[in-house]
PDB file of all heavy atoms in Angstrom:
ATOM      1  N   VAL A   1      -6.176   0.116 -17.023  1.00  0.00           N
ATOM      2  CA  VAL A   1      -7.570  -0.284 -16.900  1.00  0.00           C
ATOM      3  C   VAL A   1      -8.499   0.679 -17.628  1.00  0.00           C
ATOM      4  O   VAL A   1      -9.348   0.331 -18.380  1.00  0.00           O
ATOM      5  CB  VAL A   1      -7.977  -0.303 -15.409  1.00  0.00           C
ATOM      6  CG1 VAL A   1      -9.541  -0.448 -15.301  1.00  0.00           C
ATOM      7  CG2 VAL A   1      -7.315  -1.435 -14.666  1.00  0.00           C
ATOM      8  N   THR A   2      -8.174   1.964 -17.516  1.00  0.00           N
ATOM      9  CA  THR A   2      -8.949   2.959 -18.257  1.00  0.00           C
ATOM     10  C   THR A   2      -8.727   2.873 -19.765  1.00  0.00           C
ATOM     11  O   THR A   2      -9.719   3.005 -20.516  1.00  0.00           O
ATOM     12  CB  THR A   2      -8.499   4.422 -17.752  1.00  0.00           C
ATOM     13  OG1 THR A   2      -8.713   4.538 -16.428  1.00  0.00           O
ATOM     14  CG2 THR A   2      -9.357   5.463 -18.564  1.00  0.00           C
ATOM     15  N   TYR A   3      -7.611   2.643 -20.164  1.00  0.00           N
ATOM     16  CA  TYR A   3      -7.300   2.335 -21.573  1.00  0.00           C
ATOM     17  C   TYR A   3      -8.027   1.278 -22.243  1.00  0.00           C
ATOM     18  O   TYR A   3      -8.613   1.280 -23.240  1.00  0.00           O
ATOM     19  CB  TYR A   3      -5.719   2.274 -21.774  1.00  0.00           C
ATOM     20  CG  TYR A   3      -5.269   2.221 -23.143  1.00  0.00           C
ATOM     21  CD1 TYR A   3      -4.783   3.344 -23.788  1.00  0.00           C
ATOM     22  CD2 TYR A   3      -5.304   1.037 -23.974  1.00  0.00           C
ATOM     23  CE1 TYR A   3      -4.319   3.312 -25.160  1.00  0.00           C
ATOM     24  CE2 TYR A   3      -4.887   1.009 -25.250  1.00  0.00           C
ATOM     25  CZ  TYR A   3      -4.405   2.105 -25.787  1.00  0.00           C
ATOM     26  OH  TYR A   3      -3.901   2.142 -27.133  1.00  0.00           O
ATOM     27  N   ALA A   4      -7.918   0.057 -21.450  1.00  0.00           N
ATOM     28  CA  ALA A   4      -8.499  -1.203 -21.889  1.00  0.00           C
ATOM     29  C   ALA A   4      -9.982  -1.164 -22.033  1.00  0.00           C
ATOM     30  O   ALA A   4     -10.658  -1.738 -22.873  1.00  0.00           O
ATOM     31  CB  ALA A   4      -8.046  -2.310 -21.067  1.00  0.00           C
ATOM     32  N   CYS A   5     -10.575  -0.328 -21.071  1.00  0.00           N
ATOM     33  CA  CYS A   5     -12.088  -0.191 -21.022  1.00  0.00           C
ATOM     34  C   CYS A   5     -12.575   1.112 -21.765  1.00  0.00           C
ATOM     35  O   CYS A   5     -13.736   1.327 -21.703  1.00  0.00           O
ATOM     36  CB  CYS A   5     -12.555  -0.233 -19.609  1.00  0.00           C
ATOM     37  SG  CYS A   5     -12.127  -1.803 -18.807  1.00  0.00           S
ATOM     38  N   GLY A   6     -11.675   1.834 -22.276  1.00  0.00           N
ATOM     39  CA  GLY A   6     -12.032   3.060 -22.937  1.00  0.00           C
ATOM     40  C   GLY A   6     -13.075   2.880 -24.079  1.00  0.00           C
ATOM     41  O   GLY A   6     -14.019   3.703 -24.257  1.00  0.00           O
ATOM     42  N   PRO A   7     -13.117   1.805 -24.908  1.00  0.00           N
ATOM     43  CA  PRO A   7     -13.981   1.538 -26.030  1.00  0.00           C
ATOM     44  C   PRO A   7     -15.458   1.393 -25.478  1.00  0.00           C
ATOM     45  O   PRO A   7     -16.329   1.422 -26.384  1.00  0.00           O
ATOM     46  CB  PRO A   7     -13.502   0.331 -26.626  1.00  0.00           C
ATOM     47  CG  PRO A   7     -12.100   0.289 -26.358  1.00  0.00           C
ATOM     48  CD  PRO A   7     -11.909   0.824 -24.946  1.00  0.00           C
ATOM     49  N   LEU A   8     -15.677   1.330 -24.215  1.00  0.00           N
ATOM     50  CA  LEU A   8     -17.052   1.177 -23.669  1.00  0.00           C
ATOM     51  C   LEU A   8     -17.874   2.450 -24.135  1.00  0.00           C
ATOM     52  O   LEU A   8     -19.141   2.422 -24.167  1.00  0.00           O
ATOM     53  CB  LEU A   8     -17.009   1.090 -22.113  1.00  0.00           C
ATOM     54  CG  LEU A   8     -16.658  -0.290 -21.665  1.00  0.00           C
ATOM     55  CD1 LEU A   8     -16.454  -0.280 -20.177  1.00  0.00           C
ATOM     56  CD2 LEU A   8     -17.692  -1.381 -22.031  1.00  0.00           C
ATOM     57  N   GLY A   9     -17.190   3.640 -24.239  1.00  0.00           N
ATOM     58  CA  GLY A   9     -17.949   4.860 -24.497  1.00  0.00           C
ATOM     59  C   GLY A   9     -18.854   5.304 -23.364  1.00  0.00           C
ATOM     60  O   GLY A   9     -19.889   5.765 -23.548  1.00  0.00           O
ATOM     61  N   CYS A  10     -18.297   5.209 -22.134  1.00  0.00           N
ATOM     62  CA  CYS A  10     -19.143   5.624 -20.971  1.00  0.00           C
ATOM     63  C   CYS A  10     -19.319   7.160 -20.913  1.00  0.00           C
ATOM     64  O   CYS A  10     -18.452   7.829 -21.426  1.00  0.00           O
ATOM     65  CB  CYS A  10     -18.458   5.099 -19.687  1.00  0.00           C
ATOM     66  SG  CYS A  10     -18.337   3.341 -19.596  1.00  0.00           S
ATOM     67  N   VAL A  11     -20.392   7.568 -20.259  1.00  0.00           N
ATOM     68  CA  VAL A  11     -20.578   8.940 -19.956  1.00  0.00           C
ATOM     69  C   VAL A  11     -19.483   9.373 -19.067  1.00  0.00           C
ATOM     70  O   VAL A  11     -18.784  10.476 -19.361  1.00  0.00           O
ATOM     71  CB  VAL A  11     -21.826   9.201 -19.373  1.00  0.00           C
ATOM     72  CG1 VAL A  11     -22.033  10.674 -18.870  1.00  0.00           C
ATOM     73  CG2 VAL A  11     -23.012   8.831 -20.217  1.00  0.00           C
ATOM     74  N   LYS A  12     -19.203   8.628 -18.033  1.00  0.00           N
ATOM     75  CA  LYS A  12     -18.090   8.946 -17.161  1.00  0.00           C
ATOM     76  C   LYS A  12     -17.529   7.606 -16.675  1.00  0.00           C
ATOM     77  O   LYS A  12     -18.153   6.927 -15.854  1.00  0.00           O
ATOM     78  CB  LYS A  12     -18.469   9.789 -15.910  1.00  0.00           C
ATOM     79  CG  LYS A  12     -17.290  10.040 -14.990  1.00  0.00           C
ATOM     80  CD  LYS A  12     -17.711  10.940 -13.846  1.00  0.00           C
ATOM     81  CE  LYS A  12     -16.650  11.279 -12.890  1.00  0.00           C
ATOM     82  NZ  LYS A  12     -17.068  12.031 -11.647  1.00  0.00           N
ATOM     83  N   LEU A  13     -16.326   7.058 -17.172  1.00  0.00           N
ATOM     84  CA  LEU A  13     -15.759   5.852 -16.804  1.00  0.00           C
ATOM     85  C   LEU A  13     -15.198   6.025 -15.417  1.00  0.00           C
ATOM     86  O   LEU A  13     -14.294   6.880 -15.196  1.00  0.00           O
ATOM     87  CB  LEU A  13     -14.741   5.473 -17.826  1.00  0.00           C
ATOM     88  CG  LEU A  13     -14.276   3.998 -17.688  1.00  0.00           C
ATOM     89  CD1 LEU A  13     -13.943   3.396 -19.107  1.00  0.00           C
ATOM     90  CD2 LEU A  13     -13.020   3.958 -16.843  1.00  0.00           C
ATOM     91  N   VAL A  14     -15.558   5.155 -14.499  1.00  0.00           N
ATOM     92  CA  VAL A  14     -15.031   5.145 -13.131  1.00  0.00           C
ATOM     93  C   VAL A  14     -14.536   3.705 -12.746  1.00  0.00           C
ATOM     94  O   VAL A  14     -15.153   2.776 -12.942  1.00  0.00           O
ATOM     95  CB  VAL A  14     -16.082   5.510 -12.079  1.00  0.00           C
ATOM     96  CG1 VAL A  14     -15.580   5.444 -10.626  1.00  0.00           C
ATOM     97  CG2 VAL A  14     -16.676   6.931 -12.371  1.00  0.00           C
ATOM     98  N   VAL A  15     -13.225   3.659 -12.308  1.00  0.00           N
ATOM     99  CA  VAL A  15     -12.663   2.463 -11.937  1.00  0.00           C
ATOM    100  C   VAL A  15     -12.808   2.271 -10.525  1.00  0.00           C
ATOM    101  O   VAL A  15     -12.471   3.106  -9.670  1.00  0.00           O
ATOM    102  CB  VAL A  15     -11.027   2.482 -12.291  1.00  0.00           C
ATOM    103  CG1 VAL A  15     -10.517   1.067 -11.798  1.00  0.00           C
ATOM    104  CG2 VAL A  15     -10.858   2.639 -13.731  1.00  0.00           C
ATOM    105  N   GLY A  16     -13.469   1.193 -10.081  1.00  0.00           N
ATOM    106  CA  GLY A  16     -13.741   0.865  -8.771  1.00  0.00           C
ATOM    107  C   GLY A  16     -12.622   0.448  -7.950  1.00  0.00           C
ATOM    108  O   GLY A  16     -11.425   0.191  -8.516  1.00  0.00           O
ATOM    109  N   GLU A  17     -12.812   0.220  -6.627  1.00  0.00           N
ATOM    110  CA  GLU A  17     -11.712  -0.281  -5.875  1.00  0.00           C
ATOM    111  C   GLU A  17     -11.328  -1.637  -6.205  1.00  0.00           C
ATOM    112  O   GLU A  17     -12.052  -2.452  -6.593  1.00  0.00           O
ATOM    113  CB  GLU A  17     -12.128  -0.214  -4.342  1.00  0.00           C
ATOM    114  CG  GLU A  17     -12.311   1.137  -3.697  1.00  0.00           C
ATOM    115  CD  GLU A  17     -10.990   1.848  -3.690  1.00  0.00           C
ATOM    116  OE1 GLU A  17      -9.888   1.189  -3.269  1.00  0.00           O
ATOM    117  OE2 GLU A  17     -10.900   3.037  -3.841  1.00  0.00           O
ATOM    118  N   PRO A  18      -9.953  -1.953  -6.280  1.00  0.00           N
ATOM    119  CA  PRO A  18      -9.467  -3.238  -6.648  1.00  0.00           C
ATOM    120  C   PRO A  18     -10.050  -4.251  -5.699  1.00  0.00           C
ATOM    121  O   PRO A  18     -10.074  -4.033  -4.461  1.00  0.00           O
ATOM    122  CB  PRO A  18      -8.020  -3.049  -6.641  1.00  0.00           C
ATOM    123  CG  PRO A  18      -7.773  -2.027  -5.716  1.00  0.00           C
ATOM    124  CD  PRO A  18      -8.803  -1.012  -5.912  1.00  0.00           C
ATOM    125  N   VAL A  19     -10.226  -5.441  -6.184  1.00  0.00           N
ATOM    126  CA  VAL A  19     -10.760  -6.534  -5.376  1.00  0.00           C
ATOM    127  C   VAL A  19      -9.714  -7.690  -5.307  1.00  0.00           C
ATOM    128  O   VAL A  19      -9.241  -8.131  -6.427  1.00  0.00           O
ATOM    129  CB  VAL A  19     -12.115  -7.156  -5.935  1.00  0.00           C
ATOM    130  CG1 VAL A  19     -12.552  -8.335  -5.081  1.00  0.00           C
ATOM    131  CG2 VAL A  19     -13.113  -6.095  -6.014  1.00  0.00           C
ATOM    132  N   SER A  20      -9.244  -8.044  -4.216  1.00  0.00           N
ATOM    133  CA  SER A  20      -8.201  -9.073  -4.013  1.00  0.00           C
ATOM    134  C   SER A  20      -8.860 -10.409  -4.061  1.00  0.00           C
ATOM    135  O   SER A  20      -9.972 -10.725  -3.565  1.00  0.00           O
ATOM    136  CB  SER A  20      -7.398  -8.820  -2.735  1.00  0.00           C
ATOM    137  OG  SER A  20      -6.748  -7.610  -2.744  1.00  0.00           O
ATOM    138  N   PHE A  21      -8.063 -11.406  -4.609  1.00  0.00           N
ATOM    139  CA  PHE A  21      -8.507 -12.799  -4.645  1.00  0.00           C
ATOM    140  C   PHE A  21      -7.325 -13.727  -4.773  1.00  0.00           C
ATOM    141  O   PHE A  21      -6.256 -13.195  -5.083  1.00  0.00           O
ATOM    142  CB  PHE A  21      -9.464 -13.046  -5.783  1.00  0.00           C
ATOM    143  CG  PHE A  21      -8.888 -12.888  -7.178  1.00  0.00           C
ATOM    144  CD1 PHE A  21      -8.432 -14.037  -7.857  1.00  0.00           C
ATOM    145  CD2 PHE A  21      -8.664 -11.637  -7.802  1.00  0.00           C
ATOM    146  CE1 PHE A  21      -7.900 -13.824  -9.166  1.00  0.00           C
ATOM    147  CE2 PHE A  21      -8.251 -11.504  -9.012  1.00  0.00           C
ATOM    148  CZ  PHE A  21      -7.737 -12.623  -9.759  1.00  0.00           C
ATOM    149  N   SER A  22      -7.474 -14.929  -4.399  1.00  0.00           N
ATOM    150  CA  SER A  22      -6.327 -15.925  -4.411  1.00  0.00           C
ATOM    151  C   SER A  22      -6.482 -16.794  -5.718  1.00  0.00           C
ATOM    152  O   SER A  22      -7.668 -17.281  -6.039  1.00  0.00           O
ATOM    153  CB  SER A  22      -6.457 -16.875  -3.173  1.00  0.00           C
ATOM    154  OG  SER A  22      -5.451 -17.806  -3.201  1.00  0.00           O
ATOM    155  N   TYR A  23      -5.378 -16.853  -6.438  1.00  0.00           N
ATOM    156  CA  TYR A  23      -5.376 -17.669  -7.660  1.00  0.00           C
ATOM    157  C   TYR A  23      -4.124 -18.418  -7.726  1.00  0.00           C
ATOM    158  O   TYR A  23      -3.069 -17.828  -7.821  1.00  0.00           O
ATOM    159  CB  TYR A  23      -5.606 -16.768  -8.848  1.00  0.00           C
ATOM    160  CG  TYR A  23      -5.598 -17.443 -10.157  1.00  0.00           C
ATOM    161  CD1 TYR A  23      -6.722 -18.263 -10.515  1.00  0.00           C
ATOM    162  CD2 TYR A  23      -4.549 -17.352 -11.062  1.00  0.00           C
ATOM    163  CE1 TYR A  23      -6.771 -18.872 -11.812  1.00  0.00           C
ATOM    164  CE2 TYR A  23      -4.571 -17.974 -12.297  1.00  0.00           C
ATOM    165  CZ  TYR A  23      -5.649 -18.713 -12.650  1.00  0.00           C
ATOM    166  OH  TYR A  23      -5.790 -19.373 -13.907  1.00  0.00           O
ATOM    167  N   GLN A  24      -4.154 -19.779  -7.786  1.00  0.00           N
ATOM    168  CA  GLN A  24      -2.930 -20.507  -7.987  1.00  0.00           C
ATOM    169  C   GLN A  24      -1.830 -20.210  -6.893  1.00  0.00           C
ATOM    170  O   GLN A  24      -0.656 -20.073  -7.367  1.00  0.00           O
ATOM    171  CB  GLN A  24      -2.456 -20.507  -9.350  1.00  0.00           C
ATOM    172  CG  GLN A  24      -3.479 -21.197 -10.398  1.00  0.00           C
ATOM    173  CD  GLN A  24      -2.996 -21.120 -11.806  1.00  0.00           C
ATOM    174  OE1 GLN A  24      -1.863 -20.597 -12.055  1.00  0.00           O
ATOM    175  NE2 GLN A  24      -3.665 -21.740 -12.637  1.00  0.00           N
ATOM    176  N   GLY A  25      -2.182 -19.993  -5.748  1.00  0.00           N
ATOM    177  CA  GLY A  25      -1.258 -19.634  -4.693  1.00  0.00           C
ATOM    178  C   GLY A  25      -0.757 -18.241  -4.670  1.00  0.00           C
ATOM    179  O   GLY A  25       0.149 -17.912  -3.965  1.00  0.00           O
ATOM    180  N   ARG A  26      -1.360 -17.390  -5.471  1.00  0.00           N
ATOM    181  CA  ARG A  26      -0.910 -15.975  -5.511  1.00  0.00           C
ATOM    182  C   ARG A  26      -2.079 -15.107  -5.081  1.00  0.00           C
ATOM    183  O   ARG A  26      -3.217 -15.361  -5.376  1.00  0.00           O
ATOM    184  CB  ARG A  26      -0.523 -15.578  -6.996  1.00  0.00           C
ATOM    185  CG  ARG A  26       0.597 -16.406  -7.444  1.00  0.00           C
ATOM    186  CD  ARG A  26       0.873 -16.231  -8.984  1.00  0.00           C
ATOM    187  NE  ARG A  26       1.182 -14.894  -9.251  1.00  0.00           N
ATOM    188  CZ  ARG A  26       1.263 -14.360 -10.570  1.00  0.00           C
ATOM    189  NH1 ARG A  26       1.010 -15.183 -11.549  1.00  0.00           N
ATOM    190  NH2 ARG A  26       1.539 -13.104 -10.785  1.00  0.00           N
ATOM    191  N   ARG A  27      -1.750 -13.874  -4.540  1.00  0.00           N
ATOM    192  CA  ARG A  27      -2.837 -12.878  -4.284  1.00  0.00           C
ATOM    193  C   ARG A  27      -2.793 -11.870  -5.437  1.00  0.00           C
ATOM    194  O   ARG A  27      -1.839 -11.263  -5.722  1.00  0.00           O
ATOM    195  CB  ARG A  27      -2.471 -12.132  -2.957  1.00  0.00           C
ATOM    196  CG  ARG A  27      -2.640 -13.000  -1.734  1.00  0.00           C
ATOM    197  CD  ARG A  27      -3.997 -13.587  -1.567  1.00  0.00           C
ATOM    198  NE  ARG A  27      -4.999 -12.442  -1.323  1.00  0.00           N
ATOM    199  CZ  ARG A  27      -6.270 -12.787  -1.351  1.00  0.00           C
ATOM    200  NH1 ARG A  27      -6.717 -14.004  -1.415  1.00  0.00           N
ATOM    201  NH2 ARG A  27      -7.235 -11.843  -1.195  1.00  0.00           N
ATOM    202  N   LEU A  28      -3.903 -11.793  -6.108  1.00  0.00           N
ATOM    203  CA  LEU A  28      -4.052 -10.964  -7.255  1.00  0.00           C
ATOM    204  C   LEU A  28      -5.172  -9.997  -7.095  1.00  0.00           C
ATOM    205  O   LEU A  28      -5.919  -9.979  -6.071  1.00  0.00           O
ATOM    206  CB  LEU A  28      -4.362 -11.790  -8.533  1.00  0.00           C
ATOM    207  CG  LEU A  28      -3.323 -12.887  -8.838  1.00  0.00           C
ATOM    208  CD1 LEU A  28      -3.661 -13.836  -9.983  1.00  0.00           C
ATOM    209  CD2 LEU A  28      -1.923 -12.241  -9.129  1.00  0.00           C
ATOM    210  N   LYS A  29      -5.410  -9.075  -8.061  1.00  0.00           N
ATOM    211  CA  LYS A  29      -6.519  -8.126  -7.936  1.00  0.00           C
ATOM    212  C   LYS A  29      -7.251  -8.022  -9.330  1.00  0.00           C
ATOM    213  O   LYS A  29      -6.650  -8.217 -10.471  1.00  0.00           O
ATOM    214  CB  LYS A  29      -5.963  -6.767  -7.652  1.00  0.00           C
ATOM    215  CG  LYS A  29      -5.436  -6.718  -6.223  1.00  0.00           C
ATOM    216  CD  LYS A  29      -4.819  -5.296  -5.989  1.00  0.00           C
ATOM    217  CE  LYS A  29      -4.210  -5.217  -4.573  1.00  0.00           C
ATOM    218  NZ  LYS A  29      -3.708  -3.850  -4.256  1.00  0.00           N
ATOM    219  N   TYR A  30      -8.487  -7.689  -9.304  1.00  0.00           N
ATOM    220  CA  TYR A  30      -9.315  -7.361 -10.518  1.00  0.00           C
ATOM    221  C   TYR A  30      -9.943  -6.043 -10.235  1.00  0.00           C
ATOM    222  O   TYR A  30     -10.128  -5.538  -9.025  1.00  0.00           O
ATOM    223  CB  TYR A  30     -10.169  -8.426 -10.967  1.00  0.00           C
ATOM    224  CG  TYR A  30     -11.485  -8.660 -10.098  1.00  0.00           C
ATOM    225  CD1 TYR A  30     -12.477  -7.898 -10.287  1.00  0.00           C
ATOM    226  CD2 TYR A  30     -11.425  -9.551  -9.158  1.00  0.00           C
ATOM    227  CE1 TYR A  30     -13.685  -8.049  -9.435  1.00  0.00           C
ATOM    228  CE2 TYR A  30     -12.536  -9.802  -8.336  1.00  0.00           C
ATOM    229  CZ  TYR A  30     -13.675  -9.013  -8.635  1.00  0.00           C
ATOM    230  OH  TYR A  30     -14.885  -9.195  -7.747  1.00  0.00           O
ATOM    231  N   TYR A  31     -10.428  -5.373 -11.276  1.00  0.00           N
ATOM    232  CA  TYR A  31     -11.002  -3.982 -11.120  1.00  0.00           C
ATOM    233  C   TYR A  31     -12.330  -3.962 -11.801  1.00  0.00           C
ATOM    234  O   TYR A  31     -12.479  -4.225 -12.937  1.00  0.00           O
ATOM    235  CB  TYR A  31     -10.110  -2.990 -11.772  1.00  0.00           C
ATOM    236  CG  TYR A  31      -8.672  -2.857 -11.195  1.00  0.00           C
ATOM    237  CD1 TYR A  31      -7.724  -3.850 -11.549  1.00  0.00           C
ATOM    238  CD2 TYR A  31      -8.336  -1.929 -10.244  1.00  0.00           C
ATOM    239  CE1 TYR A  31      -6.423  -3.802 -10.966  1.00  0.00           C
ATOM    240  CE2 TYR A  31      -7.103  -1.852  -9.790  1.00  0.00           C
ATOM    241  CZ  TYR A  31      -6.193  -2.815 -10.095  1.00  0.00           C
ATOM    242  OH  TYR A  31      -4.884  -2.813  -9.466  1.00  0.00           O
ATOM    243  N   PRO A  32     -13.402  -3.593 -10.999  1.00  0.00           N
ATOM    244  CA  PRO A  32     -14.714  -3.383 -11.602  1.00  0.00           C
ATOM    245  C   PRO A  32     -14.733  -2.006 -12.226  1.00  0.00           C
ATOM    246  O   PRO A  32     -13.984  -1.026 -11.698  1.00  0.00           O
ATOM    247  CB  PRO A  32     -15.657  -3.403 -10.323  1.00  0.00           C
ATOM    248  CG  PRO A  32     -14.814  -3.092  -9.203  1.00  0.00           C
ATOM    249  CD  PRO A  32     -13.431  -3.557  -9.499  1.00  0.00           C
ATOM    250  N   VAL A  33     -15.336  -1.902 -13.332  1.00  0.00           N
ATOM    251  CA  VAL A  33     -15.386  -0.543 -14.142  1.00  0.00           C
ATOM    252  C   VAL A  33     -16.802  -0.196 -14.199  1.00  0.00           C
ATOM    253  O   VAL A  33     -17.657  -0.994 -14.703  1.00  0.00           O
ATOM    254  CB  VAL A  33     -14.661  -0.733 -15.424  1.00  0.00           C
ATOM    255  CG1 VAL A  33     -14.780   0.657 -16.269  1.00  0.00           C
ATOM    256  CG2 VAL A  33     -13.272  -1.057 -15.294  1.00  0.00           C
ATOM    257  N   TYR A  34     -17.118   1.056 -13.977  1.00  0.00           N
ATOM    258  CA  TYR A  34     -18.606   1.566 -14.011  1.00  0.00           C
ATOM    259  C   TYR A  34     -18.677   2.729 -14.961  1.00  0.00           C
ATOM    260  O   TYR A  34     -17.747   3.471 -15.247  1.00  0.00           O
ATOM    261  CB  TYR A  34     -18.986   1.934 -12.579  1.00  0.00           C
ATOM    262  CG  TYR A  34     -18.850   0.918 -11.523  1.00  0.00           C
ATOM    263  CD1 TYR A  34     -17.656   0.836 -10.739  1.00  0.00           C
ATOM    264  CD2 TYR A  34     -19.922   0.056 -11.281  1.00  0.00           C
ATOM    265  CE1 TYR A  34     -17.516  -0.076  -9.854  1.00  0.00           C
ATOM    266  CE2 TYR A  34     -19.738  -0.877 -10.254  1.00  0.00           C
ATOM    267  CZ  TYR A  34     -18.606  -0.952  -9.491  1.00  0.00           C
ATOM    268  OH  TYR A  34     -18.488  -1.941  -8.501  1.00  0.00           O
ATOM    269  N   ASP A  35     -20.005   2.837 -15.393  1.00  0.00           N
ATOM    270  CA  ASP A  35     -20.361   4.073 -16.089  1.00  0.00           C
ATOM    271  C   ASP A  35     -21.192   4.885 -15.055  1.00  0.00           C
ATOM    272  O   ASP A  35     -22.121   4.394 -14.450  1.00  0.00           O
ATOM    273  CB  ASP A  35     -21.250   3.739 -17.262  1.00  0.00           C
ATOM    274  CG  ASP A  35     -21.590   5.011 -18.115  1.00  0.00           C
ATOM    275  OD1 ASP A  35     -21.074   6.125 -17.823  1.00  0.00           O
ATOM    276  OD2 ASP A  35     -22.390   4.875 -19.022  1.00  0.00           O
ATOM    277  N   GLU A  36     -20.778   6.081 -14.843  1.00  0.00           N
ATOM    278  CA  GLU A  36     -21.428   6.965 -13.829  1.00  0.00           C
ATOM    279  C   GLU A  36     -21.972   8.232 -14.488  1.00  0.00           C
ATOM    280  O   GLU A  36     -21.323   9.162 -14.651  1.00  0.00           O
ATOM    281  CB  GLU A  36     -20.321   7.385 -12.761  1.00  0.00           C
ATOM    282  CG  GLU A  36     -20.959   8.034 -11.563  1.00  0.00           C
ATOM    283  CD  GLU A  36     -19.902   8.258 -10.466  1.00  0.00           C
ATOM    284  OE1 GLU A  36     -19.732   7.374  -9.696  1.00  0.00           O
ATOM    285  OE2 GLU A  36     -19.288   9.339 -10.437  1.00  0.00           O
ATOM    286  N   PRO A  37     -23.364   8.073 -14.844  1.00  0.00           N
ATOM    287  CA  PRO A  37     -24.002   9.230 -15.511  1.00  0.00           C
ATOM    288  C   PRO A  37     -24.221  10.372 -14.491  1.00  0.00           C
ATOM    289  O   PRO A  37     -24.009  10.263 -13.313  1.00  0.00           O
ATOM    290  CB  PRO A  37     -25.300   8.645 -15.915  1.00  0.00           C
ATOM    291  CG  PRO A  37     -25.597   7.515 -14.929  1.00  0.00           C
ATOM    292  CD  PRO A  37     -24.211   7.039 -14.570  1.00  0.00           C
TER     293      PRO A  37
END
């Protein structure tokens, strides 16, 4: 996640808590990514 979002050039890149969701019968996760000045 940090690598894929590295080009954002954040002051401080912070990966938030993963969020679970249901998709096509599977439990998956996505990750919100923040800039924390």
